[in-house]
Amino acid sequence: MSQENIAEQEKELEKEIPDTPEADKQEKEGTAGEKAASGKEKKKEDKENDRIEVLEKQIQDLTDKIAKEKDDYIRLMAEFDNFRRRTSQEKLDLVSVAAEDTIKGLLPVLDDCERAMEALGKSEDNPAAKEGTELIYSKLLGYLQGKGLSRIDALGTEFNTDLHEAVAQFPVQEEDKKGKVYDVIQTGYTLNGKVVRFAKVVVGI
């Protein structure tokens, strides 16, 4: 091979293979560019993560606030419902007490009617008065019974402290009459199952 050919091949090799310092410089520049790009991406990612954390915290705060407001609302509604029920019950109790007092005030009128009918029953002089008194008594008793008033039928029953008030004792010969109501001095009444006046009775002993 001639010297000329060898020289040409060396020139070609020099073109194909760059100088080492220049290649190192380009490689370094490429690596620095990649690092810079990577750093920007990381900063962007960190910024997005921070933003997500802030949003998640805001969501959690709002969720807690809504839960508290809901709990307060439920408690308030429960308190209002209890207040409404209590007020309604108090009104019913007030009406009931007022009705009870009114009916108790009319019981002596029933007693007077019963005594009047008993007295008129022993006399034959004025049958119209007896009939009129019985009519008044029946109407008054019927009205009060419509409001829940009931007589306590005590005569001949076992003495019961829940219904009867013993005002006297009377000796009896019959064993089956002992401990039972022998006579009724004053009629007792209940109003809707509650005793409003005990029956005053004489008990056989």
N, C-alpha and C. Protein backbone atom coordinates (compact mmCIF):
# COMPACT_ATOMS: atom_id res chain seq x y z
N MET A 1 0.87 -1.18 0.00
CA MET A 1 0.00 0.00 0.00
C MET A 1 0.90 1.22 0.00
N SER A 2 0.52 2.21 -0.78
CA SER A 2 1.39 3.38 -0.93
C SER A 2 1.21 4.32 0.22
N GLN A 3 2.13 5.20 0.40
CA GLN A 3 2.09 6.19 1.48
C GLN A 3 0.89 7.12 1.33
N GLU A 4 0.51 7.38 0.12
CA GLU A 4 -0.63 8.28 -0.12
C GLU A 4 -1.92 7.65 0.39
N ASN A 5 -2.06 6.36 0.09
CA ASN A 5 -3.29 5.67 0.57
C ASN A 5 -3.37 5.64 2.09
N ILE A 6 -2.25 5.40 2.73
CA ILE A 6 -2.21 5.35 4.20
C ILE A 6 -2.59 6.71 4.76
N ALA A 7 -2.12 7.76 4.18
CA ALA A 7 -2.41 9.11 4.66
C ALA A 7 -3.91 9.43 4.51
N GLU A 8 -4.47 9.01 3.40
CA GLU A 8 -5.89 9.26 3.20
C GLU A 8 -6.74 8.53 4.22
N GLN A 9 -6.38 7.26 4.54
CA GLN A 9 -7.14 6.48 5.53
C GLN A 9 -7.06 7.13 6.92
N GLU A 10 -5.90 7.66 7.25
CA GLU A 10 -5.75 8.30 8.56
C GLU A 10 -6.63 9.54 8.65
N LYS A 11 -6.71 10.29 7.54
CA LYS A 11 -7.57 11.48 7.54
C LYS A 11 -9.04 11.10 7.73
N GLU A 12 -9.43 10.01 7.03
CA GLU A 12 -10.82 9.56 7.16
C GLU A 12 -11.13 9.16 8.59
N LEU A 13 -10.19 8.47 9.25
CA LEU A 13 -10.38 8.04 10.65
C LEU A 13 -10.48 9.25 11.57
N GLU A 14 -9.70 10.26 11.28
CA GLU A 14 -9.75 11.47 12.11
C GLU A 14 -11.10 12.17 12.00
N LYS A 15 -11.71 12.12 10.79
CA LYS A 15 -13.04 12.72 10.61
C LYS A 15 -14.10 11.96 11.39
N GLU A 16 -13.97 10.61 11.29
CA GLU A 16 -14.99 9.77 11.94
C GLU A 16 -14.88 9.81 13.45
N ILE A 17 -13.71 9.89 14.03
CA ILE A 17 -13.50 9.85 15.49
C ILE A 17 -13.19 11.26 15.93
N PRO A 18 -14.11 11.90 16.68
CA PRO A 18 -13.86 13.27 17.14
C PRO A 18 -12.84 13.27 18.24
N ASP A 19 -12.32 14.46 18.53
CA ASP A 19 -11.35 14.58 19.62
C ASP A 19 -12.02 14.23 20.94
N THR A 20 -11.35 13.63 21.78
CA THR A 20 -11.88 13.16 23.07
C THR A 20 -12.39 14.30 23.94
N PRO A 21 -11.68 15.40 24.12
CA PRO A 21 -12.19 16.50 24.96
C PRO A 21 -13.52 17.05 24.46
N GLU A 22 -13.67 17.18 23.16
CA GLU A 22 -14.91 17.70 22.60
C GLU A 22 -16.07 16.74 22.84
N ALA A 23 -15.80 15.45 22.68
CA ALA A 23 -16.84 14.44 22.91
C ALA A 23 -17.26 14.43 24.36
N ASP A 24 -16.25 14.53 25.24
CA ASP A 24 -16.58 14.57 26.68
C ASP A 24 -17.43 15.78 27.01
N LYS A 25 -17.13 16.91 26.39
CA LYS A 25 -17.87 18.14 26.64
C LYS A 25 -19.33 17.98 26.22
N GLN A 26 -19.53 17.40 25.01
CA GLN A 26 -20.90 17.20 24.53
C GLN A 26 -21.67 16.25 25.43
N GLU A 27 -20.95 15.20 25.87
CA GLU A 27 -21.61 14.21 26.75
C GLU A 27 -22.01 14.87 28.07
N LYS A 28 -21.10 15.71 28.58
CA LYS A 28 -21.41 16.40 29.83
C LYS A 28 -22.59 17.35 29.67
N GLU A 29 -22.61 18.09 28.54
CA GLU A 29 -23.70 19.01 28.29
C GLU A 29 -25.03 18.26 28.19
N GLY A 30 -25.01 17.09 27.54
CA GLY A 30 -26.23 16.28 27.42
C GLY A 30 -26.71 15.81 28.79
N THR A 31 -25.79 15.37 29.63
CA THR A 31 -26.16 14.90 30.97
C THR A 31 -26.72 16.03 31.82
N ALA A 32 -26.11 17.21 31.73
CA ALA A 32 -26.59 18.37 32.50
C ALA A 32 -27.99 18.77 32.05
N GLY A 33 -28.23 18.70 30.74
CA GLY A 33 -29.56 19.03 30.22
C GLY A 33 -30.62 18.05 30.75
N GLU A 34 -30.25 16.79 30.74
CA GLU A 34 -31.18 15.78 31.25
C GLU A 34 -31.46 16.00 32.73
N LYS A 35 -30.40 16.34 33.51
CA LYS A 35 -30.59 16.59 34.94
C LYS A 35 -31.49 17.81 35.17
N ALA A 36 -31.29 18.85 34.37
CA ALA A 36 -32.10 20.05 34.50
C ALA A 36 -33.57 19.75 34.20
N ALA A 37 -33.77 18.99 33.11
CA ALA A 37 -35.14 18.62 32.76
C ALA A 37 -35.77 17.77 33.85
N SER A 38 -34.97 16.84 34.40
CA SER A 38 -35.46 15.98 35.48
C SER A 38 -35.80 16.80 36.72
N GLY A 39 -34.97 17.80 37.04
CA GLY A 39 -35.21 18.67 38.19
C GLY A 39 -36.50 19.46 38.04
N LYS A 40 -36.74 19.96 36.84
CA LYS A 40 -37.97 20.70 36.59
C LYS A 40 -39.20 19.82 36.76
N GLU A 41 -39.09 18.60 36.23
CA GLU A 41 -40.21 17.66 36.37
C GLU A 41 -40.48 17.35 37.84
N LYS A 42 -39.39 17.17 38.61
CA LYS A 42 -39.55 16.85 40.04
C LYS A 42 -40.20 18.02 40.78
N LYS A 43 -39.75 19.26 40.47
CA LYS A 43 -40.34 20.42 41.12
C LYS A 43 -41.83 20.54 40.77
N LYS A 44 -42.13 20.29 39.50
CA LYS A 44 -43.51 20.34 39.08
C LYS A 44 -44.36 19.29 39.79
N GLU A 45 -43.78 18.11 39.92
CA GLU A 45 -44.48 17.02 40.61
C GLU A 45 -44.68 17.34 42.09
N ASP A 46 -43.62 17.90 42.71
CA ASP A 46 -43.73 18.28 44.12
C ASP A 46 -44.79 19.35 44.32
N LYS A 47 -44.85 20.30 43.40
CA LYS A 47 -45.84 21.37 43.48
C LYS A 47 -47.25 20.82 43.37
N GLU A 48 -47.43 19.86 42.44
CA GLU A 48 -48.74 19.24 42.27
C GLU A 48 -49.13 18.46 43.53
N ASN A 49 -48.16 17.75 44.12
CA ASN A 49 -48.43 16.99 45.35
C ASN A 49 -48.83 17.91 46.49
N ASP A 50 -48.12 19.05 46.60
CA ASP A 50 -48.47 20.02 47.65
C ASP A 50 -49.89 20.56 47.44
N ARG A 51 -50.20 20.82 46.20
CA ARG A 51 -51.54 21.33 45.90
C ARG A 51 -52.61 20.29 46.23
N ILE A 52 -52.33 19.04 45.92
CA ILE A 52 -53.27 17.95 46.23
C ILE A 52 -53.45 17.82 47.74
N GLU A 53 -52.35 17.94 48.49
CA GLU A 53 -52.44 17.86 49.95
C GLU A 53 -53.30 18.98 50.52
N VAL A 54 -53.11 20.20 49.97
CA VAL A 54 -53.91 21.33 50.43
C VAL A 54 -55.39 21.10 50.14
N LEU A 55 -55.69 20.62 48.93
CA LEU A 55 -57.08 20.35 48.55
C LEU A 55 -57.68 19.25 49.42
N GLU A 56 -56.90 18.20 49.67
CA GLU A 56 -57.40 17.10 50.52
C GLU A 56 -57.68 17.61 51.94
N LYS A 57 -56.82 18.49 52.45
CA LYS A 57 -57.04 19.05 53.79
C LYS A 57 -58.31 19.90 53.81
N GLN A 58 -58.49 20.69 52.75
CA GLN A 58 -59.70 21.51 52.67
C GLN A 58 -60.95 20.63 52.61
N ILE A 59 -60.88 19.56 51.83
CA ILE A 59 -62.02 18.63 51.73
C ILE A 59 -62.32 18.00 53.09
N GLN A 60 -61.25 17.59 53.79
CA GLN A 60 -61.44 16.98 55.11
C GLN A 60 -62.05 17.97 56.11
N ASP A 61 -61.56 19.22 56.05
CA ASP A 61 -62.10 20.25 56.94
C ASP A 61 -63.59 20.50 56.66
N LEU A 62 -63.93 20.57 55.37
CA LEU A 62 -65.33 20.78 55.00
C LEU A 62 -66.19 19.59 55.41
N THR A 63 -65.65 18.38 55.23
CA THR A 63 -66.39 17.17 55.63
C THR A 63 -66.65 17.16 57.13
N ASP A 64 -65.63 17.50 57.92
CA ASP A 64 -65.80 17.57 59.39
C ASP A 64 -66.81 18.63 59.78
N LYS A 65 -66.74 19.78 59.09
CA LYS A 65 -67.67 20.86 59.40
C LYS A 65 -69.11 20.46 59.09
N ILE A 66 -69.31 19.80 57.95
CA ILE A 66 -70.65 19.33 57.57
C ILE A 66 -71.16 18.31 58.57
N ALA A 67 -70.28 17.39 58.98
CA ALA A 67 -70.67 16.37 59.95
C ALA A 67 -71.09 17.00 61.27
N LYS A 68 -70.34 18.03 61.71
CA LYS A 68 -70.68 18.72 62.96
C LYS A 68 -72.01 19.46 62.83
N GLU A 69 -72.19 20.15 61.68
CA GLU A 69 -73.44 20.86 61.46
C GLU A 69 -74.62 19.89 61.42
N LYS A 70 -74.43 18.73 60.81
CA LYS A 70 -75.49 17.73 60.75
C LYS A 70 -75.82 17.22 62.15
N ASP A 71 -74.79 16.95 62.94
CA ASP A 71 -75.00 16.47 64.32
C ASP A 71 -75.73 17.52 65.15
N ASP A 72 -75.32 18.78 65.01
CA ASP A 72 -76.00 19.86 65.74
C ASP A 72 -77.46 19.98 65.31
N TYR A 73 -77.70 19.81 64.01
CA TYR A 73 -79.08 19.91 63.50
C TYR A 73 -79.95 18.78 64.06
N ILE A 74 -79.38 17.56 64.08
CA ILE A 74 -80.14 16.41 64.60
C ILE A 74 -80.45 16.61 66.08
N ARG A 75 -79.46 17.10 66.84
CA ARG A 75 -79.68 17.34 68.27
C ARG A 75 -80.76 18.41 68.48
N LEU A 76 -80.68 19.48 67.67
CA LEU A 76 -81.66 20.56 67.80
C LEU A 76 -83.07 20.06 67.49
N MET A 77 -83.19 19.24 66.44
CA MET A 77 -84.50 18.71 66.08
C MET A 77 -85.03 17.79 67.19
N ALA A 78 -84.13 16.99 67.79
CA ALA A 78 -84.55 16.10 68.88
C ALA A 78 -85.02 16.91 70.08
N GLU A 79 -84.29 17.97 70.41
CA GLU A 79 -84.68 18.82 71.53
C GLU A 79 -86.02 19.50 71.25
N PHE A 80 -86.21 19.96 70.02
CA PHE A 80 -87.47 20.62 69.66
C PHE A 80 -88.63 19.63 69.73
N ASP A 81 -88.38 18.40 69.26
CA ASP A 81 -89.43 17.38 69.31
C ASP A 81 -89.81 17.05 70.75
N ASN A 82 -88.79 16.94 71.61
CA ASN A 82 -89.06 16.69 73.03
C ASN A 82 -89.84 17.85 73.65
N PHE A 83 -89.45 19.08 73.29
CA PHE A 83 -90.15 20.26 73.80
C PHE A 83 -91.60 20.27 73.34
N ARG A 84 -91.82 19.93 72.07
CA ARG A 84 -93.19 19.93 71.53
C ARG A 84 -94.04 18.87 72.23
N ARG A 85 -93.46 17.69 72.44
CA ARG A 85 -94.21 16.63 73.12
C ARG A 85 -94.50 17.01 74.57
N ARG A 86 -93.48 17.58 75.24
CA ARG A 86 -93.67 17.97 76.63
C ARG A 86 -94.74 19.05 76.76
N THR A 87 -94.72 20.02 75.84
CA THR A 87 -95.71 21.08 75.86
C THR A 87 -97.12 20.54 75.60
N SER A 88 -97.22 19.61 74.63
CA SER A 88 -98.52 19.01 74.34
C SER A 88 -99.04 18.24 75.54
N GLN A 89 -98.14 17.49 76.20
CA GLN A 89 -98.55 16.73 77.37
C GLN A 89 -98.99 17.65 78.51
N GLU A 90 -98.26 18.75 78.68
CA GLU A 90 -98.64 19.71 79.72
C GLU A 90 -100.01 20.32 79.44
N LYS A 91 -100.30 20.60 78.17
CA LYS A 91 -101.61 21.13 77.82
C LYS A 91 -102.70 20.12 78.10
N LEU A 92 -102.43 18.85 77.74
CA LEU A 92 -103.41 17.80 78.00
C LEU A 92 -103.64 17.63 79.50
N ASP A 93 -102.54 17.67 80.26
CA ASP A 93 -102.67 17.54 81.72
C ASP A 93 -103.46 18.71 82.30
N LEU A 94 -103.20 19.90 81.77
CA LEU A 94 -103.92 21.08 82.26
C LEU A 94 -105.41 20.97 81.99
N VAL A 95 -105.76 20.54 80.77
CA VAL A 95 -107.17 20.36 80.41
C VAL A 95 -107.79 19.27 81.28
N SER A 96 -107.04 18.18 81.47
CA SER A 96 -107.55 17.07 82.28
C SER A 96 -107.80 17.49 83.72
N VAL A 97 -106.84 18.24 84.29
CA VAL A 97 -107.01 18.70 85.67
C VAL A 97 -108.19 19.65 85.79
N ALA A 98 -108.32 20.54 84.81
CA ALA A 98 -109.44 21.49 84.84
C ALA A 98 -110.77 20.75 84.74
N ALA A 99 -110.83 19.75 83.85
CA ALA A 99 -112.07 18.96 83.70
C ALA A 99 -112.36 18.18 84.98
N GLU A 100 -111.29 17.62 85.58
CA GLU A 100 -111.47 16.86 86.82
C GLU A 100 -112.01 17.76 87.93
N ASP A 101 -111.45 18.95 88.06
CA ASP A 101 -111.91 19.87 89.11
C ASP A 101 -113.38 20.26 88.88
N THR A 102 -113.74 20.49 87.61
CA THR A 102 -115.12 20.87 87.30
C THR A 102 -116.08 19.74 87.66
N ILE A 103 -115.72 18.52 87.26
CA ILE A 103 -116.59 17.37 87.53
C ILE A 103 -116.68 17.11 89.03
N LYS A 104 -115.56 17.22 89.74
CA LYS A 104 -115.59 17.03 91.19
C LYS A 104 -116.50 18.06 91.86
N GLY A 105 -116.54 19.27 91.31
CA GLY A 105 -117.40 20.30 91.85
C GLY A 105 -118.88 20.01 91.65
N LEU A 106 -119.22 19.15 90.67
CA LEU A 106 -120.62 18.81 90.40
C LEU A 106 -121.09 17.59 91.19
N LEU A 107 -120.17 16.88 91.83
CA LEU A 107 -120.56 15.68 92.57
C LEU A 107 -121.53 15.99 93.72
N PRO A 108 -121.32 17.09 94.47
CA PRO A 108 -122.31 17.40 95.52
C PRO A 108 -123.71 17.64 94.96
N VAL A 109 -123.79 18.13 93.70
CA VAL A 109 -125.10 18.32 93.07
C VAL A 109 -125.77 16.97 92.85
N LEU A 110 -124.98 15.97 92.43
CA LEU A 110 -125.52 14.61 92.28
C LEU A 110 -126.01 14.08 93.63
N ASP A 111 -125.21 14.34 94.67
CA ASP A 111 -125.62 13.89 96.01
C ASP A 111 -126.96 14.52 96.41
N ASP A 112 -127.11 15.80 96.15
CA ASP A 112 -128.36 16.49 96.50
C ASP A 112 -129.53 15.91 95.72
N CYS A 113 -129.28 15.59 94.44
CA CYS A 113 -130.35 15.01 93.63
C CYS A 113 -130.75 13.64 94.18
N GLU A 114 -129.77 12.85 94.59
CA GLU A 114 -130.06 11.53 95.15
C GLU A 114 -130.86 11.65 96.45
N ARG A 115 -130.48 12.61 97.31
CA ARG A 115 -131.22 12.80 98.57
C ARG A 115 -132.63 13.30 98.30
N ALA A 116 -132.74 14.20 97.30
CA ALA A 116 -134.06 14.73 96.96
C ALA A 116 -134.96 13.62 96.42
N MET A 117 -134.41 12.75 95.57
CA MET A 117 -135.21 11.65 95.04
C MET A 117 -135.60 10.67 96.13
N GLU A 118 -134.71 10.44 97.07
CA GLU A 118 -135.01 9.55 98.19
C GLU A 118 -136.13 10.13 99.05
N ALA A 119 -136.06 11.44 99.33
CA ALA A 119 -137.09 12.09 100.15
C ALA A 119 -138.44 12.11 99.42
N LEU A 120 -138.39 12.42 98.10
CA LEU A 120 -139.63 12.46 97.33
C LEU A 120 -140.23 11.07 97.14
N GLY A 121 -139.36 10.06 97.16
CA GLY A 121 -139.85 8.70 97.00
C GLY A 121 -140.67 8.24 98.19
N LYS A 122 -140.43 8.84 99.35
CA LYS A 122 -141.17 8.47 100.56
C LYS A 122 -142.49 9.23 100.66
N SER A 123 -142.67 10.21 99.78
CA SER A 123 -143.89 11.02 99.81
C SER A 123 -144.65 10.85 98.50
N GLU A 124 -145.96 10.77 98.62
CA GLU A 124 -146.80 10.63 97.44
C GLU A 124 -147.53 11.94 97.10
N ASP A 125 -147.16 13.00 97.78
CA ASP A 125 -147.89 14.26 97.61
C ASP A 125 -147.59 14.95 96.28
N ASN A 126 -146.36 14.87 95.82
CA ASN A 126 -145.98 15.65 94.62
C ASN A 126 -145.19 14.76 93.65
N PRO A 127 -145.89 13.92 92.87
CA PRO A 127 -145.19 13.04 91.92
C PRO A 127 -144.48 13.82 90.81
N ALA A 128 -144.97 15.00 90.48
CA ALA A 128 -144.32 15.80 89.41
C ALA A 128 -142.94 16.25 89.84
N ALA A 129 -142.78 16.61 91.13
CA ALA A 129 -141.47 17.03 91.63
C ALA A 129 -140.49 15.86 91.60
N LYS A 130 -140.97 14.69 91.95
CA LYS A 130 -140.11 13.49 91.90
C LYS A 130 -139.67 13.20 90.47
N GLU A 131 -140.60 13.29 89.55
CA GLU A 131 -140.29 13.01 88.16
C GLU A 131 -139.30 14.04 87.61
N GLY A 132 -139.51 15.32 87.95
CA GLY A 132 -138.60 16.37 87.47
C GLY A 132 -137.21 16.23 88.05
N THR A 133 -137.13 15.85 89.33
CA THR A 133 -135.82 15.66 89.97
C THR A 133 -135.08 14.49 89.35
N GLU A 134 -135.79 13.40 89.09
CA GLU A 134 -135.18 12.24 88.45
C GLU A 134 -134.68 12.58 87.05
N LEU A 135 -135.45 13.42 86.33
CA LEU A 135 -135.04 13.82 84.98
C LEU A 135 -133.75 14.64 85.03
N ILE A 136 -133.69 15.60 85.95
CA ILE A 136 -132.48 16.43 86.09
C ILE A 136 -131.29 15.57 86.47
N TYR A 137 -131.51 14.66 87.41
CA TYR A 137 -130.43 13.78 87.87
C TYR A 137 -129.92 12.90 86.72
N SER A 138 -130.85 12.35 85.97
CA SER A 138 -130.47 11.46 84.85
C SER A 138 -129.67 12.20 83.79
N LYS A 139 -130.11 13.43 83.47
CA LYS A 139 -129.40 14.21 82.45
C LYS A 139 -128.00 14.59 82.92
N LEU A 140 -127.91 15.03 84.18
CA LEU A 140 -126.61 15.43 84.70
C LEU A 140 -125.67 14.25 84.79
N LEU A 141 -126.19 13.12 85.30
CA LEU A 141 -125.34 11.93 85.42
C LEU A 141 -124.93 11.42 84.04
N GLY A 142 -125.85 11.46 83.09
CA GLY A 142 -125.53 11.01 81.73
C GLY A 142 -124.43 11.86 81.09
N TYR A 143 -124.52 13.18 81.30
CA TYR A 143 -123.50 14.09 80.75
C TYR A 143 -122.14 13.79 81.37
N LEU A 144 -122.10 13.63 82.69
CA LEU A 144 -120.83 13.38 83.38
C LEU A 144 -120.28 12.00 83.01
N GLN A 145 -121.14 11.04 82.81
CA GLN A 145 -120.67 9.72 82.38
C GLN A 145 -120.05 9.79 80.99
N GLY A 146 -120.60 10.69 80.15
CA GLY A 146 -120.00 10.89 78.82
C GLY A 146 -118.60 11.47 78.90
N LYS A 147 -118.27 12.12 80.01
CA LYS A 147 -116.93 12.67 80.22
C LYS A 147 -116.01 11.69 80.93
N GLY A 148 -116.52 10.48 81.20
CA GLY A 148 -115.67 9.47 81.82
C GLY A 148 -115.95 9.18 83.28
N LEU A 149 -117.02 9.77 83.83
CA LEU A 149 -117.36 9.55 85.23
C LEU A 149 -118.10 8.22 85.40
N SER A 150 -117.74 7.49 86.46
CA SER A 150 -118.40 6.21 86.76
C SER A 150 -118.64 6.09 88.26
N ARG A 151 -119.77 5.49 88.64
CA ARG A 151 -120.08 5.26 90.04
C ARG A 151 -119.27 4.06 90.54
N ILE A 152 -118.91 4.12 91.80
CA ILE A 152 -118.27 2.97 92.45
C ILE A 152 -119.37 2.19 93.16
N ASP A 153 -119.67 1.02 92.63
CA ASP A 153 -120.70 0.17 93.24
C ASP A 153 -120.07 -0.57 94.41
N ALA A 154 -120.30 -0.06 95.60
CA ALA A 154 -119.62 -0.58 96.79
C ALA A 154 -120.47 -1.53 97.62
N LEU A 155 -121.75 -1.37 97.66
CA LEU A 155 -122.62 -2.13 98.55
C LEU A 155 -122.50 -3.64 98.30
N GLY A 156 -122.16 -4.36 99.38
CA GLY A 156 -122.08 -5.81 99.30
C GLY A 156 -120.75 -6.33 98.77
N THR A 157 -119.82 -5.45 98.39
CA THR A 157 -118.52 -5.90 97.87
C THR A 157 -117.49 -5.94 98.99
N GLU A 158 -116.37 -6.62 98.73
CA GLU A 158 -115.28 -6.66 99.69
C GLU A 158 -114.73 -5.26 99.92
N PHE A 159 -114.42 -4.95 101.18
CA PHE A 159 -113.87 -3.63 101.48
C PHE A 159 -112.50 -3.50 100.80
N ASN A 160 -112.34 -2.41 100.06
CA ASN A 160 -111.12 -2.18 99.28
C ASN A 160 -110.64 -0.77 99.55
N THR A 161 -109.47 -0.66 100.17
CA THR A 161 -108.95 0.67 100.52
C THR A 161 -108.63 1.52 99.29
N ASP A 162 -108.50 0.88 98.11
CA ASP A 162 -108.24 1.64 96.89
C ASP A 162 -109.49 2.34 96.38
N LEU A 163 -110.68 1.88 96.87
CA LEU A 163 -111.94 2.45 96.39
C LEU A 163 -112.82 2.98 97.51
N HIS A 164 -112.65 2.43 98.71
CA HIS A 164 -113.58 2.74 99.80
C HIS A 164 -112.87 3.45 100.95
N GLU A 165 -113.65 4.24 101.65
CA GLU A 165 -113.20 4.88 102.88
C GLU A 165 -114.16 4.47 104.00
N ALA A 166 -113.66 3.70 104.97
CA ALA A 166 -114.52 3.21 106.07
C ALA A 166 -114.74 4.33 107.07
N VAL A 167 -116.00 4.64 107.29
CA VAL A 167 -116.34 5.69 108.28
C VAL A 167 -116.92 5.07 109.55
N ALA A 168 -117.29 3.80 109.46
CA ALA A 168 -117.85 3.11 110.64
C ALA A 168 -117.79 1.61 110.41
N GLN A 169 -117.96 0.85 111.51
CA GLN A 169 -118.04 -0.60 111.45
C GLN A 169 -119.37 -1.04 112.07
N PHE A 170 -119.89 -2.13 111.57
CA PHE A 170 -121.19 -2.60 112.07
C PHE A 170 -121.10 -4.11 112.27
N PRO A 171 -121.44 -4.58 113.48
CA PRO A 171 -121.39 -6.03 113.74
C PRO A 171 -122.51 -6.76 112.99
N VAL A 172 -122.13 -7.82 112.33
CA VAL A 172 -123.10 -8.62 111.56
C VAL A 172 -123.02 -10.08 112.02
N GLN A 173 -124.14 -10.78 111.92
CA GLN A 173 -124.19 -12.18 112.32
C GLN A 173 -123.72 -13.11 111.20
N GLU A 174 -124.03 -12.75 109.97
CA GLU A 174 -123.68 -13.60 108.83
C GLU A 174 -122.17 -13.52 108.55
N GLU A 175 -121.55 -14.68 108.41
CA GLU A 175 -120.11 -14.73 108.15
C GLU A 175 -119.77 -14.17 106.76
N ASP A 176 -120.68 -14.34 105.82
CA ASP A 176 -120.38 -13.90 104.45
C ASP A 176 -120.47 -12.38 104.31
N LYS A 177 -120.98 -11.68 105.33
CA LYS A 177 -121.05 -10.22 105.27
C LYS A 177 -119.90 -9.54 106.02
N LYS A 178 -119.12 -10.34 106.73
CA LYS A 178 -118.02 -9.75 107.48
C LYS A 178 -116.89 -9.36 106.51
N GLY A 179 -116.36 -8.17 106.74
CA GLY A 179 -115.30 -7.66 105.86
C GLY A 179 -115.83 -7.07 104.57
N LYS A 180 -117.15 -7.00 104.45
CA LYS A 180 -117.75 -6.43 103.25
C LYS A 180 -118.46 -5.12 103.58
N VAL A 181 -118.79 -4.37 102.53
CA VAL A 181 -119.47 -3.08 102.71
C VAL A 181 -120.92 -3.35 103.10
N TYR A 182 -121.29 -2.89 104.28
CA TYR A 182 -122.66 -3.11 104.80
C TYR A 182 -123.60 -1.99 104.36
N ASP A 183 -123.06 -0.77 104.29
CA ASP A 183 -123.89 0.37 103.88
C ASP A 183 -123.00 1.43 103.24
N VAL A 184 -123.58 2.23 102.35
CA VAL A 184 -122.86 3.31 101.66
C VAL A 184 -123.39 4.64 102.17
N ILE A 185 -122.53 5.40 102.81
CA ILE A 185 -122.92 6.71 103.32
C ILE A 185 -122.86 7.77 102.22
N GLN A 186 -121.82 7.69 101.39
CA GLN A 186 -121.67 8.64 100.27
C GLN A 186 -121.12 7.88 99.06
N THR A 187 -121.75 8.09 97.92
CA THR A 187 -121.34 7.40 96.69
C THR A 187 -119.96 7.85 96.24
N GLY A 188 -119.14 6.89 95.82
CA GLY A 188 -117.82 7.20 95.28
C GLY A 188 -117.84 7.21 93.76
N TYR A 189 -116.86 7.89 93.17
CA TYR A 189 -116.81 8.00 91.71
C TYR A 189 -115.37 7.87 91.21
N THR A 190 -115.25 7.37 89.98
CA THR A 190 -113.98 7.37 89.27
C THR A 190 -114.13 8.18 87.99
N LEU A 191 -113.04 8.79 87.56
CA LEU A 191 -113.02 9.56 86.31
C LEU A 191 -111.94 8.99 85.42
N ASN A 192 -112.38 8.34 84.33
CA ASN A 192 -111.44 7.67 83.41
C ASN A 192 -110.52 6.70 84.15
N GLY A 193 -111.10 5.97 85.09
CA GLY A 193 -110.35 4.95 85.82
C GLY A 193 -109.63 5.45 87.06
N LYS A 194 -109.62 6.75 87.28
CA LYS A 194 -108.95 7.34 88.44
C LYS A 194 -110.00 7.72 89.48
N VAL A 195 -109.75 7.34 90.73
CA VAL A 195 -110.69 7.66 91.80
C VAL A 195 -110.65 9.17 92.08
N VAL A 196 -111.80 9.81 91.93
CA VAL A 196 -111.90 11.24 92.23
C VAL A 196 -112.60 11.47 93.57
N ARG A 197 -113.33 10.44 94.04
CA ARG A 197 -113.91 10.51 95.38
C ARG A 197 -114.15 9.10 95.89
N PHE A 198 -113.58 8.81 97.04
CA PHE A 198 -113.75 7.47 97.62
C PHE A 198 -115.18 7.32 98.14
N ALA A 199 -115.66 6.09 98.05
CA ALA A 199 -116.99 5.79 98.59
C ALA A 199 -116.88 5.68 100.11
N LYS A 200 -117.68 6.47 100.82
CA LYS A 200 -117.68 6.40 102.28
C LYS A 200 -118.66 5.30 102.70
N VAL A 201 -118.13 4.31 103.42
CA VAL A 201 -118.93 3.09 103.66
C VAL A 201 -118.87 2.68 105.12
N VAL A 202 -119.83 1.80 105.44
CA VAL A 202 -119.86 1.11 106.73
C VAL A 202 -119.45 -0.34 106.46
N VAL A 203 -118.51 -0.85 107.23
CA VAL A 203 -117.97 -2.19 107.00
C VAL A 203 -118.52 -3.15 108.05
N GLY A 204 -118.98 -4.31 107.60
CA GLY A 204 -119.47 -5.33 108.52
C GLY A 204 -118.33 -6.06 109.18
N ILE A 205 -118.47 -6.32 110.50
CA ILE A 205 -117.45 -7.03 111.26
C ILE A 205 -118.07 -8.20 112.02
